[in-house]
Amino acid sequence: MAQVKDKKKKLDYVEFQEGSVFKGVLKHKDPLLISGNFDGEIYSESFLDVATSSVLNAHIHAKEVDFSGKINGNIISEEKVILRSGSKVIGNIKTTRLEIEEGVVFDGQSEMMSVDTSQQSQ
């Protein structure tokens, strides 16, 4: 597992390294770092980090997404999507929080979901 430093904590990631290619449906519970290429669907119950070297033709459903690569597909996130400078997104984004850095190419629509206050108090 790769260790990547988060702003608040260190997370142990499962990593698809640069040069790897995956096609299909991926369901994952732990933090995941994708540095390779992916075609299909990703369902993550945790944090998904997509590196600059990544090219995705995929639909993503994740708790939180930190995106630096290139994607042709939609992103749905329960908590937050961060689009890092240099990333390219062709598709729609649905999330409760969206951060877009300068230098991002985003061709699609964004939809902000309301935060369910009953789930926050638990």
C-alpha atoms as a PDB file:
ATOM      1  CA  MET A   1       0.000   0.000   0.000  1.00  0.00           C
ATOM      2  CA  ALA A   2       1.152   3.489  -0.752  1.00  0.00           C
ATOM      3  CA  GLN A   3       1.161   6.074   1.996  1.00  0.00           C
ATOM      4  CA  VAL A   4       0.062   9.550   0.998  1.00  0.00           C
ATOM      5  CA  LYS A   5      -0.064  12.522   3.334  1.00  0.00           C
ATOM      6  CA  ASP A   6      -3.449  14.167   3.663  1.00  0.00           C
ATOM      7  CA  LYS A   7      -3.820  17.657   5.147  1.00  0.00           C
ATOM      8  CA  LYS A   8      -5.090  16.244   8.430  1.00  0.00           C
ATOM      9  CA  LYS A   9      -3.855  12.655   8.553  1.00  0.00           C
ATOM     10  CA  LYS A  10      -1.894   9.957   6.823  1.00  0.00           C
ATOM     11  CA  LEU A  11      -4.014   7.500   4.893  1.00  0.00           C
ATOM     12  CA  ASP A  12      -3.029   4.043   3.741  1.00  0.00           C
ATOM     13  CA  TYR A  13      -4.022   3.809   0.092  1.00  0.00           C
ATOM     14  CA  VAL A  14      -4.520   0.908  -2.218  1.00  0.00           C
ATOM     15  CA  GLU A  15      -2.858   2.117  -5.421  1.00  0.00           C
ATOM     16  CA  PHE A  16      -3.316   1.441  -9.119  1.00  0.00           C
ATOM     17  CA  GLN A  17       0.143   2.526 -10.167  1.00  0.00           C
ATOM     18  CA  GLU A  18       1.098   4.506 -13.264  1.00  0.00           C
ATOM     19  CA  GLY A  19       1.131   2.225 -16.308  1.00  0.00           C
ATOM     20  CA  SER A  20      -1.622  -0.035 -14.943  1.00  0.00           C
ATOM     21  CA  VAL A  21      -4.831  -0.473 -16.943  1.00  0.00           C
ATOM     22  CA  PHE A  22      -8.145  -1.608 -15.474  1.00  0.00           C
ATOM     23  CA  LYS A  23     -11.482  -2.195 -17.214  1.00  0.00           C
ATOM     24  CA  GLY A  24     -14.712  -3.052 -15.432  1.00  0.00           C
ATOM     25  CA  VAL A  25     -16.530  -2.256 -12.217  1.00  0.00           C
ATOM     26  CA  LEU A  26     -14.514  -1.542  -9.093  1.00  0.00           C
ATOM     27  CA  LYS A  27     -16.138  -1.518  -5.650  1.00  0.00           C
ATOM     28  CA  HIS A  28     -13.862  -0.401  -2.842  1.00  0.00           C
ATOM     29  CA  LYS A  29     -14.109   0.403   0.878  1.00  0.00           C
ATOM     30  CA  ASP A  30     -10.618   1.754   1.667  1.00  0.00           C
ATOM     31  CA  PRO A  31      -8.893   4.913   0.369  1.00  0.00           C
ATOM     32  CA  LEU A  32      -7.829   4.401  -3.244  1.00  0.00           C
ATOM     33  CA  LEU A  33      -5.172   6.136  -5.348  1.00  0.00           C
ATOM     34  CA  ILE A  34      -5.414   5.731  -9.122  1.00  0.00           C
ATOM     35  CA  SER A  35      -2.267   6.656 -11.053  1.00  0.00           C
ATOM     36  CA  GLY A  36      -2.973   4.476 -14.100  1.00  0.00           C
ATOM     37  CA  ASN A  37      -5.792   4.217 -16.641  1.00  0.00           C
ATOM     38  CA  PHE A  38      -9.312   3.069 -15.831  1.00  0.00           C
ATOM     39  CA  ASP A  39     -12.364   2.300 -17.993  1.00  0.00           C
ATOM     40  CA  GLY A  40     -15.666   1.480 -16.313  1.00  0.00           C
ATOM     41  CA  GLU A  41     -17.296   2.371 -13.007  1.00  0.00           C
ATOM     42  CA  ILE A  42     -15.810   3.082  -9.593  1.00  0.00           C
ATOM     43  CA  TYR A  43     -17.849   2.750  -6.381  1.00  0.00           C
ATOM     44  CA  SER A  44     -15.841   3.835  -3.349  1.00  0.00           C
ATOM     45  CA  GLU A  45     -17.131   4.084   0.216  1.00  0.00           C
ATOM     46  CA  SER A  46     -14.082   6.175   1.087  1.00  0.00           C
ATOM     47  CA  PHE A  47     -11.596   8.691  -0.314  1.00  0.00           C
ATOM     48  CA  LEU A  48     -10.627   8.467  -3.998  1.00  0.00           C
ATOM     49  CA  ASP A  49      -7.452  10.226  -5.177  1.00  0.00           C
ATOM     50  CA  VAL A  50      -6.874  10.420  -8.931  1.00  0.00           C
ATOM     51  CA  ALA A  51      -3.294  11.350  -9.891  1.00  0.00           C
ATOM     52  CA  THR A  52      -2.142  13.644 -12.700  1.00  0.00           C
ATOM     53  CA  SER A  53      -0.968  10.660 -14.777  1.00  0.00           C
ATOM     54  CA  SER A  54      -4.446   9.066 -14.819  1.00  0.00           C
ATOM     55  CA  VAL A  55      -6.825   8.861 -17.758  1.00  0.00           C
ATOM     56  CA  LEU A  56     -10.321   7.657 -16.901  1.00  0.00           C
ATOM     57  CA  ASN A  57     -13.283   6.796 -19.081  1.00  0.00           C
ATOM     58  CA  ALA A  58     -15.458   6.121 -16.095  1.00  0.00           C
ATOM     59  CA  HIS A  59     -18.303   7.072 -13.841  1.00  0.00           C
ATOM     60  CA  ILE A  60     -17.278   7.656 -10.239  1.00  0.00           C
ATOM     61  CA  HIS A  61     -19.425   7.284  -7.120  1.00  0.00           C
ATOM     62  CA  ALA A  62     -17.307   8.050  -4.027  1.00  0.00           C
ATOM     63  CA  LYS A  63     -17.505   9.576  -0.583  1.00  0.00           C
ATOM     64  CA  GLU A  64     -14.798  12.135  -1.418  1.00  0.00           C
ATOM     65  CA  VAL A  65     -12.808  12.739  -4.644  1.00  0.00           C
ATOM     66  CA  ASP A  66      -9.492  14.579  -5.067  1.00  0.00           C
ATOM     67  CA  PHE A  67      -8.978  14.734  -8.847  1.00  0.00           C
ATOM     68  CA  SER A  68      -5.831  15.674 -10.775  1.00  0.00           C
ATOM     69  CA  GLY A  69      -6.090  13.549 -13.940  1.00  0.00           C
ATOM     70  CA  LYS A  70      -8.284  13.423 -17.013  1.00  0.00           C
ATOM     71  CA  ILE A  71     -11.788  11.955 -17.065  1.00  0.00           C
ATOM     72  CA  ASN A  72     -14.565  11.456 -19.546  1.00  0.00           C
ATOM     73  CA  GLY A  73     -17.462  10.562 -17.274  1.00  0.00           C
ATOM     74  CA  ASN A  74     -19.582  11.698 -14.367  1.00  0.00           C
ATOM     75  CA  ILE A  75     -18.540  12.148 -10.740  1.00  0.00           C
ATOM     76  CA  ILE A  76     -20.944  11.753  -7.818  1.00  0.00           C
ATOM     77  CA  SER A  77     -19.589  12.416  -4.343  1.00  0.00           C
ATOM     78  CA  GLU A  78     -21.408  12.445  -1.005  1.00  0.00           C
ATOM     79  CA  GLU A  79     -19.021  14.904   0.615  1.00  0.00           C
ATOM     80  CA  LYS A  80     -16.609  16.798  -1.631  1.00  0.00           C
ATOM     81  CA  VAL A  81     -14.943  16.965  -5.040  1.00  0.00           C
ATOM     82  CA  ILE A  82     -11.661  18.824  -5.514  1.00  0.00           C
ATOM     83  CA  LEU A  83     -10.495  19.490  -9.079  1.00  0.00           C
ATOM     84  CA  ARG A  84      -6.773  20.248  -9.043  1.00  0.00           C
ATOM     85  CA  SER A  85      -4.990  22.571 -11.453  1.00  0.00           C
ATOM     86  CA  GLY A  86      -4.248  20.823 -14.757  1.00  0.00           C
ATOM     87  CA  SER A  87      -7.103  18.323 -14.472  1.00  0.00           C
ATOM     88  CA  LYS A  88      -9.619  17.861 -17.282  1.00  0.00           C
ATOM     89  CA  VAL A  89     -13.203  16.775 -16.644  1.00  0.00           C
ATOM     90  CA  ILE A  90     -15.644  16.082 -19.463  1.00  0.00           C
ATOM     91  CA  GLY A  91     -18.836  15.151 -17.642  1.00  0.00           C
ATOM     92  CA  ASN A  92     -21.161  16.170 -14.859  1.00  0.00           C
ATOM     93  CA  ILE A  93     -20.420  16.512 -11.162  1.00  0.00           C
ATOM     94  CA  LYS A  94     -22.926  16.034  -8.342  1.00  0.00           C
ATOM     95  CA  THR A  95     -21.713  16.719  -4.797  1.00  0.00           C
ATOM     96  CA  THR A  96     -22.317  18.679  -1.599  1.00  0.00           C
ATOM     97  CA  ARG A  97     -19.038  20.667  -1.911  1.00  0.00           C
ATOM     98  CA  LEU A  98     -17.037  21.495  -5.043  1.00  0.00           C
ATOM     99  CA  GLU A  99     -13.587  23.102  -5.171  1.00  0.00           C
ATOM    100  CA  ILE A 100     -12.087  24.034  -8.560  1.00  0.00           C
ATOM    101  CA  GLU A 101      -8.530  25.332  -8.757  1.00  0.00           C
ATOM    102  CA  GLU A 102      -7.313  27.711 -11.447  1.00  0.00           C
ATOM    103  CA  GLY A 103      -6.224  25.913 -14.636  1.00  0.00           C
ATOM    104  CA  VAL A 104      -8.914  23.198 -14.600  1.00  0.00           C
ATOM    105  CA  VAL A 105     -10.794  22.312 -17.793  1.00  0.00           C
ATOM    106  CA  PHE A 106     -14.382  21.432 -16.848  1.00  0.00           C
ATOM    107  CA  ASP A 107     -16.906  20.774 -19.624  1.00  0.00           C
ATOM    108  CA  GLY A 108     -20.138  19.716 -17.992  1.00  0.00           C
ATOM    109  CA  GLN A 109     -22.662  20.682 -15.370  1.00  0.00           C
ATOM    110  CA  SER A 110     -22.383  20.729 -11.612  1.00  0.00           C
ATOM    111  CA  GLU A 111     -25.236  19.990  -9.258  1.00  0.00           C
ATOM    112  CA  MET A 112     -24.973  20.755  -5.585  1.00  0.00           C
ATOM    113  CA  MET A 113     -26.720  18.261  -3.300  1.00  0.00           C
ATOM    114  CA  SER A 114     -28.119  19.434   0.004  1.00  0.00           C
ATOM    115  CA  VAL A 115     -26.452  18.133   3.138  1.00  0.00           C
ATOM    116  CA  ASP A 116     -28.733  15.837   5.120  1.00  0.00           C
ATOM    117  CA  THR A 117     -28.646  17.400   8.590  1.00  0.00           C
ATOM    118  CA  SER A 118     -30.088  14.280  10.223  1.00  0.00           C
ATOM    119  CA  GLN A 119     -27.020  12.273   9.139  1.00  0.00           C
ATOM    120  CA  GLN A 120     -24.593  14.964  10.353  1.00  0.00           C
ATOM    121  CA  SER A 121     -25.796  14.760  13.963  1.00  0.00           C
ATOM    122  CA  GLN A 122     -25.102  11.025  14.215  1.00  0.00           C
END
